[in-house]
């Protein structure tokens, strides 16, 4: 039995691979005994959105059924598994496949001890960075709060404003690759739907992410959240951001994705944010990454790129993505 890509051999752009494989798993489970009796071996090669979780599901299925299951991602050519199934090509050893971080994450082995431990934050360096910042801002001025020089850390949690499922899943994948203990996305605020939960992946586990219709309900229920990533449209970005600023006792960072907000409105947002001690990233930001800690929205692209770039490792560096408004992005990077 050989499971391959869709007709034409291209990588699926829109199909959720993990969801697709769940249907295949149900079918295999129904025919478990027949598969065992006929000594069937299954070869899977798949790419596309969320393919890592899909292959993890298939691998677990093979282990559960007691059926030989060989799974491969885009690193193997699509037709290569045909030769393996026919016995013309040797099947790579599983230990060889699990040697890289990508494959460890793919097979749900991101907690293995072979992985190099992440370095902890260097306290003297952080104190020196604070001293340098205060010196640059000028002696004798008021003390700056931590949110003004350290916007995110490995425990930062946020709300995503707008029903952006793909962006949220990307953030959860980044969290898992960073070995965070809990997801960075606590909930979603969507004024256009009733309160409900959506099922997403945190590594190889499925979790419930709550969706709130009312911002006030979300803020009160999750007092630990300090960041909001706003995907509000151009029409509602200004009004929604001003509403977010009314929760400045809790919310300390607001990232605004929307482009085209008039300059006079942007100035009003920045003025009120400065008065309330809230840091504004944007408007028209494409996000940012604090390696090993936190990712804003779709920054960094797919998980493959995150892993190849090693953005899951905490380092003494900064990733800044500059969009159309380079001057504004440069001001924020300073």
Protein backbone atom coordinates (compact mmCIF):
# COMPACT_ATOMS: atom_id res chain seq x y z
CA UNK A 1 0.00 0.00 0.00
CA UNK A 2 1.52 3.33 -1.03
CA UNK A 3 0.14 6.72 0.03
CA UNK A 4 1.47 9.60 -2.09
CA UNK A 5 0.70 13.16 -3.08
CA UNK A 6 -2.41 14.21 -4.94
CA UNK A 7 -2.67 13.82 -8.72
CA UNK A 8 0.08 15.74 -10.48
CA UNK A 9 2.63 15.33 -7.71
CA UNK A 10 2.53 18.92 -6.46
CA UNK A 11 2.55 19.83 -2.80
CA UNK A 12 -0.92 20.74 -1.54
CA UNK A 13 -1.26 24.45 -0.88
CA UNK A 14 -4.54 24.48 1.02
CA UNK A 15 -5.23 20.94 2.25
CA UNK A 16 -4.68 20.39 5.97
CA UNK A 17 -2.61 17.23 5.79
CA UNK A 18 -3.22 16.26 9.42
CA UNK A 19 -7.00 16.35 8.89
CA UNK A 20 -6.70 14.33 5.68
CA UNK A 21 -4.71 11.58 7.35
CA UNK A 22 -7.25 11.25 10.17
CA UNK A 23 -9.73 9.86 7.66
CA UNK A 24 -7.12 7.42 6.37
CA UNK A 25 -6.36 6.33 9.94
CA UNK A 26 -10.03 5.53 10.55
CA UNK A 27 -10.13 3.38 7.40
CA UNK A 28 -6.94 1.52 8.35
CA UNK A 29 -8.28 0.92 11.85
CA UNK A 30 -11.48 -0.62 10.45
CA UNK A 31 -9.40 -3.09 8.39
CA UNK A 32 -6.75 -3.73 11.03
CA UNK A 33 -7.04 -7.52 11.10
CA UNK A 34 -7.06 -7.87 7.32
CA UNK A 35 -3.91 -5.74 7.07
CA UNK A 36 -2.15 -7.92 9.64
CA UNK A 37 -3.30 -11.20 8.06
CA UNK A 38 -2.04 -10.19 4.61
CA UNK A 39 1.23 -8.78 6.03
CA UNK A 40 0.73 -5.36 4.44
CA UNK A 41 3.45 -2.71 4.71
CA UNK A 42 2.48 0.95 4.29
CA UNK A 43 4.68 3.66 2.80
CA UNK A 44 3.71 7.32 3.19
CA UNK A 45 5.26 10.37 1.58
CA UNK A 46 3.55 13.72 2.08
CA UNK A 47 4.17 17.46 2.09
CA UNK A 48 1.95 20.49 2.44
CA UNK A 49 0.44 22.50 5.30
CA UNK A 50 0.76 20.78 8.68
CA UNK A 51 2.38 17.73 7.09
CA UNK A 52 4.52 17.15 10.19
CA UNK A 53 1.46 16.47 12.32
CA UNK A 54 -0.08 14.33 9.59
CA UNK A 55 2.98 12.10 9.41
CA UNK A 56 3.04 11.89 13.20
CA UNK A 57 -0.57 10.67 13.12
CA UNK A 58 0.29 8.02 10.53
CA UNK A 59 3.37 6.88 12.46
CA UNK A 60 1.31 6.47 15.62
CA UNK A 61 -1.33 4.61 13.64
CA UNK A 62 1.23 2.06 12.42
CA UNK A 63 2.51 1.52 15.96
CA UNK A 64 -1.03 1.12 17.28
CA UNK A 65 -2.12 -1.34 14.59
CA UNK A 66 1.10 -3.34 14.55
CA UNK A 67 1.49 -2.71 10.83
CA UNK A 68 4.89 -1.69 9.34
CA UNK A 69 4.54 2.04 8.57
CA UNK A 70 7.29 4.04 6.83
CA UNK A 71 6.68 7.79 6.74
CA UNK A 72 8.61 10.46 4.84
CA UNK A 73 8.26 14.19 4.25
CA UNK A 74 9.36 16.43 1.35
CA UNK A 75 13.01 15.51 1.94
CA UNK A 76 12.24 12.27 0.02
CA UNK A 77 11.17 12.45 -3.64
CA UNK A 78 7.53 11.47 -4.12
CA UNK A 79 8.24 8.48 -6.35
CA UNK A 80 11.08 7.19 -4.16
CA UNK A 81 8.70 5.29 -1.89
CA UNK A 82 7.44 3.28 -4.89
CA UNK A 83 10.89 1.73 -5.28
CA UNK A 84 10.99 1.07 -1.53
CA UNK A 85 7.59 -0.65 -1.63
CA UNK A 86 8.69 -2.83 -4.56
CA UNK A 87 11.92 -3.77 -2.80
CA UNK A 88 14.06 -2.07 -5.44
CA UNK A 89 15.33 0.68 -3.14
CA UNK A 90 16.57 0.27 0.44
CA UNK A 91 14.37 1.86 3.11
CA UNK A 92 16.32 4.45 5.17
CA UNK A 93 16.82 3.45 8.77
CA UNK A 94 14.46 5.15 11.25
CA UNK A 95 17.42 6.31 13.33
CA UNK A 96 18.75 8.07 10.26
CA UNK A 97 15.41 9.79 9.70
CA UNK A 98 15.22 10.94 13.32
CA UNK A 99 18.67 12.50 13.40
CA UNK A 100 17.69 16.08 12.61
CA UNK A 101 15.60 18.54 14.60
CA UNK A 102 13.04 18.68 11.79
CA UNK A 103 12.47 14.92 11.95
CA UNK A 104 12.43 14.90 15.74
CA UNK A 105 9.65 17.45 15.66
CA UNK A 106 7.95 15.55 12.85
CA UNK A 107 7.84 12.32 14.85
CA UNK A 108 6.96 14.01 18.14
CA UNK A 109 10.44 13.56 19.61
CA UNK A 110 11.19 17.20 20.32
CA UNK A 111 11.83 16.33 23.99
CA UNK A 112 14.68 13.87 23.35
CA UNK A 113 17.77 14.31 25.52
CA UNK A 114 20.13 14.40 22.53
CA UNK A 115 18.95 17.87 21.69
CA UNK A 116 21.34 20.57 22.86
CA UNK A 117 19.88 22.42 25.87
CA UNK A 118 18.87 26.00 25.21
CA UNK A 119 21.05 28.59 26.90
CA UNK A 120 19.43 30.49 29.71
CA UNK A 121 19.26 34.26 29.71
CA UNK A 122 22.44 35.85 30.92
CA UNK A 123 21.43 38.07 33.84
CA UNK A 124 24.56 40.30 33.82
CA UNK A 125 24.06 40.93 30.09
CA UNK A 126 20.42 41.88 30.66
CA UNK A 127 21.43 44.29 33.42
CA UNK A 128 24.04 45.82 31.15
CA UNK A 129 21.49 46.17 28.34
CA UNK A 130 19.15 47.99 30.73
CA UNK A 131 21.98 50.28 31.83
CA UNK A 132 22.88 51.03 28.21
CA UNK A 133 19.25 51.83 27.41
CA UNK A 134 18.87 54.20 30.36
CA UNK A 135 22.17 55.86 29.46
CA UNK A 136 21.03 56.34 25.85
CA UNK A 137 17.69 57.75 26.97
CA UNK A 138 19.45 60.27 29.17
CA UNK A 139 20.44 60.41 32.81
CA UNK A 140 17.99 61.74 35.35
CA UNK A 141 14.88 60.68 33.43
CA UNK A 142 12.17 58.45 34.86
CA UNK A 143 12.81 54.73 35.24
CA UNK A 144 11.66 52.67 32.28
CA UNK A 145 9.41 49.68 32.84
CA UNK A 146 10.52 46.19 31.66
CA UNK A 147 7.96 46.26 28.82
CA UNK A 148 9.92 49.07 27.18
CA UNK A 149 13.15 47.10 26.79
CA UNK A 150 12.00 43.47 26.95
CA UNK A 151 8.67 43.09 25.19
CA UNK A 152 8.56 39.27 25.15
CA UNK A 153 10.01 36.29 26.97
CA UNK A 154 9.46 32.53 26.99
CA UNK A 155 6.42 32.91 29.25
CA UNK A 156 4.69 35.68 27.26
CA UNK A 157 1.10 34.92 26.27
CA UNK A 158 -1.18 36.81 23.92
CA UNK A 159 -4.59 37.21 22.36
CA UNK A 160 -5.00 37.18 18.59
CA UNK A 161 -7.64 39.68 17.46
CA UNK A 162 -9.35 38.24 14.40
CA UNK A 163 -10.03 34.66 13.37
CA UNK A 164 -6.62 33.93 11.85
CA UNK A 165 -6.35 30.16 12.29
CA UNK A 166 -3.29 29.68 10.07
CA UNK A 167 -1.34 32.40 11.91
CA UNK A 168 -2.27 30.96 15.30
CA UNK A 169 -1.23 27.44 14.26
CA UNK A 170 2.08 28.82 13.02
CA UNK A 171 2.67 30.47 16.40
CA UNK A 172 1.86 27.21 18.21
CA UNK A 173 4.28 25.28 15.99
CA UNK A 174 6.98 27.84 16.80
CA UNK A 175 6.19 27.50 20.52
CA UNK A 176 6.59 23.74 20.38
CA UNK A 177 9.87 23.95 18.48
CA UNK A 178 11.11 26.34 21.20
CA UNK A 179 10.06 23.80 23.85
CA UNK A 180 7.76 26.23 25.59
CA UNK A 181 5.82 24.69 28.45
CA UNK A 182 2.56 26.32 27.35
CA UNK A 183 1.23 27.89 24.12
CA UNK A 184 1.86 31.58 23.51
CA UNK A 185 -1.71 32.03 22.22
CA UNK A 186 -4.16 32.00 25.12
CA UNK A 187 -7.24 32.85 23.08
CA UNK A 188 -8.74 34.52 20.02
CA UNK A 189 -10.98 37.58 20.04
CA UNK A 190 -13.46 37.61 17.17
CA UNK A 191 -16.38 40.09 17.39
CA UNK A 192 -18.18 38.34 14.52
CA UNK A 193 -18.86 35.00 16.21
CA UNK A 194 -20.24 33.63 19.45
CA UNK A 195 -17.98 32.20 22.14
CA UNK A 196 -16.67 28.78 21.18
CA UNK A 197 -13.50 26.65 21.07
CA UNK A 198 -11.38 25.60 18.11
CA UNK A 199 -9.11 22.55 18.00
CA UNK A 200 -5.48 23.20 17.05
CA UNK A 201 -2.16 21.40 17.46
CA UNK A 202 0.48 22.08 20.08
CA UNK A 203 3.21 19.74 18.88
CA UNK A 204 1.52 16.37 18.39
CA UNK A 205 -1.26 17.10 20.91
CA UNK A 206 -4.62 18.66 20.12
CA UNK A 207 -5.64 21.57 22.34
CA UNK A 208 -8.72 23.78 22.70
CA UNK A 209 -8.18 27.47 21.95
CA UNK A 210 -11.10 29.62 23.18
CA UNK A 211 -12.67 32.20 20.88
CA UNK A 212 -14.30 35.19 22.58
CA UNK A 213 -16.82 37.55 21.05
CA UNK A 214 -16.23 40.24 23.68
CA UNK A 215 -12.79 41.66 24.43
CA UNK A 216 -13.76 42.47 28.02
CA UNK A 217 -14.63 38.82 28.73
CA UNK A 218 -11.29 37.62 27.36
CA UNK A 219 -9.25 40.16 29.34
CA UNK A 220 -11.00 39.39 32.62
CA UNK A 221 -10.76 35.63 32.20
CA UNK A 222 -7.03 35.65 31.39
CA UNK A 223 -5.25 38.23 33.58
CA UNK A 224 -1.84 36.76 32.68
CA UNK A 225 -2.04 37.90 29.02
CA UNK A 226 0.04 41.02 28.24
CA UNK A 227 0.13 41.09 24.41
CA UNK A 228 -2.51 41.48 21.70
CA UNK A 229 -1.75 40.76 18.04
CA UNK A 230 -4.36 42.60 16.01
CA UNK A 231 -5.39 41.33 12.58
CA UNK A 232 -8.25 43.84 12.48
CA UNK A 233 -8.97 45.24 9.02
CA UNK A 234 -8.18 48.79 7.98
CA UNK A 235 -11.79 49.78 8.70
CA UNK A 236 -11.76 48.66 12.33
CA UNK A 237 -8.07 48.76 13.29
CA UNK A 238 -8.20 52.27 14.79
CA UNK A 239 -11.33 51.80 16.90
CA UNK A 240 -10.33 48.33 18.10
CA UNK A 241 -6.82 49.49 19.05
CA UNK A 242 -8.22 52.40 21.06
CA UNK A 243 -10.43 49.89 22.87
CA UNK A 244 -7.41 47.69 23.61
CA UNK A 245 -5.58 50.67 25.12
CA UNK A 246 -8.31 50.98 27.74
CA UNK A 247 -6.90 47.77 29.26
CA UNK A 248 -3.41 49.23 29.67
CA UNK A 249 -3.12 47.96 33.25
CA UNK A 250 -2.82 44.46 31.80
CA UNK A 251 -2.01 44.81 28.08
CA UNK A 252 1.52 46.15 27.56
CA UNK A 253 2.16 45.37 23.86
CA UNK A 254 -0.15 45.72 20.85
CA UNK A 255 1.00 44.59 17.39
CA UNK A 256 -1.07 46.07 14.54
CA UNK A 257 -0.91 44.22 11.22
CA UNK A 258 -3.30 46.41 9.19
CA UNK A 259 -1.87 48.65 6.46
CA UNK A 260 -3.14 52.02 5.32
CA UNK A 261 -4.16 53.51 8.67
CA UNK A 262 -4.13 57.32 8.17
CA UNK A 263 -1.21 59.17 9.72
CA UNK A 264 -3.40 61.31 11.97
CA UNK A 265 -5.01 58.19 13.46
CA UNK A 266 -1.59 56.56 13.92
CA UNK A 267 -0.40 59.63 15.82
CA UNK A 268 -3.44 59.45 18.11
CA UNK A 269 -2.77 55.77 18.79
CA UNK A 270 0.92 56.40 19.55
CA UNK A 271 0.14 59.38 21.77
CA UNK A 272 -2.40 57.52 23.88
CA UNK A 273 -0.17 54.43 24.03
CA UNK A 274 2.76 56.53 25.29
CA UNK A 275 0.58 58.05 27.99
CA UNK A 276 -0.57 54.63 29.14
CA UNK A 277 2.85 52.93 28.90
CA UNK A 278 1.86 50.53 26.12
CA UNK A 279 4.30 49.57 23.37
CA UNK A 280 2.87 49.68 19.82
CA UNK A 281 4.39 47.47 17.10
CA UNK A 282 3.15 48.85 13.78
CA UNK A 283 0.77 49.81 12.25
CA UNK A 284 1.47 47.89 9.05
CA UNK A 285 3.91 45.57 10.82
CA UNK A 286 4.67 42.19 9.32
CA UNK A 287 5.58 40.97 12.79
CA UNK A 288 8.80 39.89 14.42
CA UNK A 289 10.51 37.01 16.20
CA UNK A 290 12.33 36.81 19.50
CA UNK A 291 14.28 33.58 18.91
CA UNK A 292 13.42 30.83 21.34
CA UNK A 293 10.68 32.90 22.97
CA UNK A 294 7.88 34.43 20.92
CA UNK A 295 6.67 34.89 17.35
CA UNK A 296 4.20 37.49 16.07
CA UNK A 297 1.68 36.11 13.58
CA UNK A 298 3.04 34.79 10.28
CA UNK A 299 6.58 36.07 10.73
CA UNK A 300 9.26 33.66 9.57
CA UNK A 301 7.01 31.65 7.26
CA UNK A 302 6.35 27.92 7.50
CA UNK A 303 7.80 25.67 10.19
CA UNK A 304 10.42 24.30 7.79
CA UNK A 305 11.91 27.76 7.42
CA UNK A 306 11.81 28.39 11.18
CA UNK A 307 13.77 25.20 11.81
CA UNK A 308 16.28 25.78 9.01
CA UNK A 309 16.87 29.32 10.27
CA UNK A 310 17.27 27.98 13.83
CA UNK A 311 14.91 30.62 15.17
CA UNK A 312 13.79 28.11 17.81
CA UNK A 313 17.09 28.69 19.66
CA UNK A 314 17.38 31.50 22.16
CA UNK A 315 20.27 33.73 21.14
CA UNK A 316 21.60 37.22 21.72
CA UNK A 317 20.03 38.61 18.57
CA UNK A 318 16.96 40.11 17.01
CA UNK A 319 14.91 39.35 13.90
CA UNK A 320 13.21 42.36 12.33
CA UNK A 321 11.04 42.10 9.24
CA UNK A 322 10.66 45.40 7.40
CA UNK A 323 7.55 45.99 5.33
CA UNK A 324 6.63 48.90 3.10
CA UNK A 325 7.03 51.51 5.80
CA UNK A 326 10.76 51.08 6.46
CA UNK A 327 11.02 54.28 8.46
CA UNK A 328 8.39 53.23 10.98
CA UNK A 329 9.89 49.76 11.32
CA UNK A 330 13.33 51.28 11.85
CA UNK A 331 11.98 53.51 14.61
CA UNK A 332 10.53 50.49 16.40
CA UNK A 333 13.75 48.50 16.01
CA UNK A 334 15.58 51.34 17.76
